[in-house]
C-alpha atoms as a PDB file:
ATOM      1  CA  MET A   1     126.513-231.938 168.829  1.00  0.00           C
ATOM      2  CA  LYS A   2     125.823-230.601 172.300  1.00  0.00           C
ATOM      3  CA  GLN A   3     129.268-228.950 172.463  1.00  0.00           C
ATOM      4  CA  LYS A   4     128.632-227.269 169.108  1.00  0.00           C
ATOM      5  CA  LEU A   5     125.252-226.001 170.445  1.00  0.00           C
ATOM      6  CA  ASN A   6     126.992-224.609 173.639  1.00  0.00           C
ATOM      7  CA  PHE A   7     129.620-222.861 171.492  1.00  0.00           C
ATOM      8  CA  SER A   8     126.935-221.275 169.255  1.00  0.00           C
ATOM      9  CA  ALA A   9     125.047-220.137 172.415  1.00  0.00           C
ATOM     10  CA  LEU A  10     128.290-218.684 173.796  1.00  0.00           C
ATOM     11  CA  ILE A  11     128.874-216.706 170.579  1.00  0.00           C
ATOM     12  CA  ILE A  12     125.337-215.409 170.618  1.00  0.00           C
ATOM     13  CA  ILE A  13     125.673-214.324 174.307  1.00  0.00           C
ATOM     14  CA  ILE A  14     128.971-212.571 173.566  1.00  0.00           C
ATOM     15  CA  PHE A  15     127.494-210.782 170.515  1.00  0.00           C
ATOM     16  CA  PHE A  16     124.487-209.690 172.625  1.00  0.00           C
ATOM     17  CA  GLY A  17     126.792-208.395 175.356  1.00  0.00           C
ATOM     18  CA  PHE A  18     128.686-206.256 172.894  1.00  0.00           C
ATOM     19  CA  PHE A  19     125.448-205.037 171.360  1.00  0.00           C
ATOM     20  CA  VAL A  20     124.028-204.016 174.781  1.00  0.00           C
ATOM     21  CA  ALA A  21     127.297-202.355 175.809  1.00  0.00           C
ATOM     22  CA  GLY A  22     127.423-200.451 172.520  1.00  0.00           C
ATOM     23  CA  CYS A  23     123.846-199.258 172.929  1.00  0.00           C
ATOM     24  CA  ALA A  24     124.507-198.181 176.511  1.00  0.00           C
ATOM     25  CA  ALA A  25     127.544-196.180 175.404  1.00  0.00           C
ATOM     26  CA  LEU A  26     125.596-194.493 172.663  1.00  0.00           C
ATOM     27  CA  LYS A  27     122.733-193.665 175.027  1.00  0.00           C
ATOM     28  CA  GLU A  28     125.205-192.367 177.603  1.00  0.00           C
ATOM     29  CA  LYS A  29     126.942-190.135 174.991  1.00  0.00           C
ATOM     30  CA  SER A  30     123.523-188.891 173.803  1.00  0.00           C
ATOM     31  CA  ALA A  31     122.487-187.983 177.339  1.00  0.00           C
ATOM     32  CA  GLU A  32     125.743-186.219 177.981  1.00  0.00           C
ATOM     33  CA  SER A  33     125.337-184.166 174.799  1.00  0.00           C
ATOM     34  CA  THR A  34     121.712-183.267 175.767  1.00  0.00           C
ATOM     35  CA  GLU A  35     122.799-182.264 179.245  1.00  0.00           C
ATOM     36  CA  GLN A  36     125.577-180.012 177.868  1.00  0.00           C
ATOM     37  CA  MET A  37     123.026-178.303 175.622  1.00  0.00           C
ATOM     38  CA  LEU A  38     120.567-177.904 178.472  1.00  0.00           C
ATOM     39  CA  SER A  39     123.239-176.299 180.668  1.00  0.00           C
ATOM     40  CA  ALA A  40     124.326-174.049 177.788  1.00  0.00           C
ATOM     41  CA  ALA A  41     120.688-173.066 177.229  1.00  0.00           C
ATOM     42  CA  GLY A  42     120.274-171.849 180.779  1.00  0.00           C
ATOM     43  CA  PHE A  43     118.739-174.879 182.524  1.00  0.00           C
ATOM     44  CA  THR A  44     119.598-175.196 186.223  1.00  0.00           C
ATOM     45  CA  VAL A  45     121.120-178.434 187.457  1.00  0.00           C
ATOM     46  CA  LYS A  46     119.697-179.804 190.738  1.00  0.00           C
ATOM     47  CA  PRO A  47     121.503-182.769 192.270  1.00  0.00           C
ATOM     48  CA  ALA A  48     119.455-185.605 193.807  1.00  0.00           C
ATOM     49  CA  ASP A  49     121.453-185.399 197.054  1.00  0.00           C
ATOM     50  CA  THR A  50     118.955-187.004 199.360  1.00  0.00           C
ATOM     51  CA  PRO A  51     117.178-190.427 199.217  1.00  0.00           C
ATOM     52  CA  GLU A  52     113.818-188.663 198.807  1.00  0.00           C
ATOM     53  CA  LYS A  53     115.062-186.561 195.869  1.00  0.00           C
ATOM     54  CA  LEU A  54     116.610-189.643 194.190  1.00  0.00           C
ATOM     55  CA  ALA A  55     113.415-191.655 194.646  1.00  0.00           C
ATOM     56  CA  HIS A  56     111.346-188.818 193.126  1.00  0.00           C
ATOM     57  CA  LEU A  57     113.916-188.402 190.290  1.00  0.00           C
ATOM     58  CA  LYS A  58     113.564-192.116 189.421  1.00  0.00           C
ATOM     59  CA  SER A  59     109.810-191.710 189.230  1.00  0.00           C
ATOM     60  CA  LEU A  60     110.030-189.053 186.492  1.00  0.00           C
ATOM     61  CA  THR A  61     110.372-189.641 182.711  1.00  0.00           C
ATOM     62  CA  GLN A  62     114.048-190.288 182.152  1.00  0.00           C
ATOM     63  CA  GLU A  63     116.324-188.553 179.664  1.00  0.00           C
ATOM     64  CA  LYS A  64     113.576-186.663 177.869  1.00  0.00           C
ATOM     65  CA  VAL A  65     112.575-183.020 178.202  1.00  0.00           C
ATOM     66  CA  VAL A  66     109.075-182.888 179.677  1.00  0.00           C
ATOM     67  CA  GLN A  67     106.835-179.875 180.175  1.00  0.00           C
ATOM     68  CA  TYR A  68     105.286-179.241 183.626  1.00  0.00           C
ATOM     69  CA  GLU A  69     103.192-176.440 185.038  1.00  0.00           C
ATOM     70  CA  LYS A  70     103.635-174.937 188.444  1.00  0.00           C
ATOM     71  CA  ASP A  71     101.647-171.977 189.825  1.00  0.00           C
ATOM     72  CA  GLY A  72     100.552-171.089 186.263  1.00  0.00           C
ATOM     73  CA  LYS A  73     104.082-171.034 184.874  1.00  0.00           C
ATOM     74  CA  ILE A  74     105.527-173.508 182.395  1.00  0.00           C
ATOM     75  CA  TYR A  75     108.755-175.338 183.265  1.00  0.00           C
ATOM     76  CA  TYR A  76     110.735-177.997 181.420  1.00  0.00           C
ATOM     77  CA  ILE A  77     112.336-180.838 183.242  1.00  0.00           C
ATOM     78  CA  TYR A  78     115.009-183.345 182.214  1.00  0.00           C
ATOM     79  CA  ALA A  79     115.610-186.175 184.673  1.00  0.00           C
ATOM     80  CA  ASN A  80     118.669-188.388 184.723  1.00  0.00           C
ATOM     81  CA  SER A  81     118.650-190.819 187.655  1.00  0.00           C
ATOM     82  CA  TYR A  82     121.869-192.429 186.401  1.00  0.00           C
ATOM     83  CA  GLU A  83     123.731-189.131 186.919  1.00  0.00           C
ATOM     84  CA  LYS A  84     121.515-188.311 189.900  1.00  0.00           C
ATOM     85  CA  CYS A  85     120.492-184.897 188.600  1.00  0.00           C
ATOM     86  CA  LEU A  86     117.490-182.895 187.468  1.00  0.00           C
ATOM     87  CA  TYR A  87     117.634-180.058 184.882  1.00  0.00           C
ATOM     88  CA  ILE A  88     114.979-177.373 185.234  1.00  0.00           C
ATOM     89  CA  GLY A  89     114.414-174.655 182.687  1.00  0.00           C
ATOM     90  CA  ASN A  90     111.791-172.035 181.868  1.00  0.00           C
ATOM     91  CA  VAL A  91     110.320-171.266 178.440  1.00  0.00           C
ATOM     92  CA  LYS A  92     113.240-169.050 177.444  1.00  0.00           C
ATOM     93  CA  ALA A  93     115.772-171.705 178.366  1.00  0.00           C
ATOM     94  CA  TYR A  94     113.726-174.360 176.516  1.00  0.00           C
ATOM     95  CA  ASN A  95     113.557-172.247 173.346  1.00  0.00           C
ATOM     96  CA  GLU A  96     117.335-171.721 173.550  1.00  0.00           C
ATOM     97  CA  TYR A  97     117.739-175.526 173.983  1.00  0.00           C
ATOM     98  CA  LYS A  98     115.646-176.179 170.908  1.00  0.00           C
ATOM     99  CA  LYS A  99     117.757-173.697 168.953  1.00  0.00           C
ATOM    100  CA  LEU A 100     121.029-175.324 170.075  1.00  0.00           C
ATOM    101  CA  LYS A 101     119.592-178.782 169.333  1.00  0.00           C
ATOM    102  CA  HIS A 102     118.669-177.624 165.795  1.00  0.00           C
ATOM    103  CA  GLN A 103     122.093-176.093 165.256  1.00  0.00           C
ATOM    104  CA  LYS A 104     123.754-179.327 166.325  1.00  0.00           C
ATOM    105  CA  GLN A 105     121.517-181.370 163.998  1.00  0.00           C
ATOM    106  CA  VAL A 106     122.376-179.105 161.015  1.00  0.00           C
ATOM    107  CA  SER A 107     126.053-179.252 161.931  1.00  0.00           C
ATOM    108  CA  GLU A 108     125.971-183.056 162.133  1.00  0.00           C
ATOM    109  CA  GLU A 109     124.079-183.230 158.779  1.00  0.00           C
ATOM    110  CA  ASN A 110     126.730-180.928 157.206  1.00  0.00           C
ATOM    111  CA  ALA A 111     129.538-183.051 158.622  1.00  0.00           C
ATOM    112  CA  GLU A 112     127.901-186.210 157.390  1.00  0.00           C
ATOM    113  CA  ASN A 113     127.491-184.679 153.865  1.00  0.00           C
ATOM    114  CA  ALA A 114     131.127-183.539 153.839  1.00  0.00           C
ATOM    115  CA  ARG A 115     132.244-187.046 154.972  1.00  0.00           C
ATOM    116  CA  ASP A 116     130.160-188.640 152.187  1.00  0.00           C
ATOM    117  CA  GLU A 117     131.662-186.244 149.590  1.00  0.00           C
ATOM    118  CA  LEU A 118     135.195-187.002 150.874  1.00  0.00           C
ATOM    119  CA  MET A 119     134.518-190.771 150.722  1.00  0.00           C
ATOM    120  CA  ALA A 120     133.215-190.446 147.151  1.00  0.00           C
ATOM    121  CA  GLU A 121     136.403-188.540 146.157  1.00  0.00           C
ATOM    122  CA  ASN A 122     138.523-191.174 147.934  1.00  0.00           C
ATOM    123  CA  GLU A 123     136.682-193.973 146.050  1.00  0.00           C
ATOM    124  CA  GLU A 124     137.644-192.309 142.802  1.00  0.00           C
ATOM    125  CA  VAL A 125     141.281-192.043 143.931  1.00  0.00           C
ATOM    126  CA  ASP A 126     141.279-195.701 145.182  1.00  0.00           C
ATOM    127  CA  SER A 127     139.902-196.955 141.903  1.00  0.00           C
ATOM    128  CA  THR A 128     142.750-195.411 139.920  1.00  0.00           C
ATOM    129  CA  ALA A 129     145.265-196.706 142.400  1.00  0.00           C
ATOM    130  CA  ALA A 130     144.366-200.277 141.417  1.00  0.00           C
ATOM    131  CA  MET A 131     144.908-199.442 137.734  1.00  0.00           C
ATOM    132  CA  ASP A 132     147.513-201.575 135.971  1.00  0.00           C
ATOM    133  CA  TRP A 133     149.039-198.965 133.711  1.00  0.00           C
ATOM    134  CA  GLY A 134     151.380-201.379 132.066  1.00  0.00           C
ATOM    135  CA  LEU A 135     148.518-203.062 130.263  1.00  0.00           C
ATOM    136  CA  TRP A 136     147.613-199.783 128.602  1.00  0.00           C
ATOM    137  CA  ALA A 137     151.049-198.553 127.540  1.00  0.00           C
ATOM    138  CA  PRO A 138     151.770-196.550 125.602  1.00  0.00           C
ATOM    139  CA  TYR A 139     149.313-193.936 126.675  1.00  0.00           C
ATOM    140  CA  GLU A 140     148.974-190.202 126.529  1.00  0.00           C
ATOM    141  CA  TYR A 141     146.959-187.775 128.510  1.00  0.00           C
END
């Protein structure tokens, strides 16, 4: 009984490990995509190349665009302490980022719709592939 319990616990731990690894990979991919869009939108990348900068970077909201004000001007900041960099953009760059993000979302939705349509077409093809035509002979079409 104890051995069975240990085996069940091992299976749960392995499953949890795969789940966490999968989530981390998705998060990393999402951050990479966001950072590519921020760069394309005109955000400046600043490396955290000193211990002080890295400590400050870690204190900021991570992997989310946040608005800050400095000397009466609005700036947008995206911190990624894992990659040790800070993205800084002005209102123009932020508006361009929002535009790119929207275009990406529409593109992904279109791709998902196209995939769903293709899958529906393939389901129709697959259902006829399983047809036993010999049972229905003779037939005409």
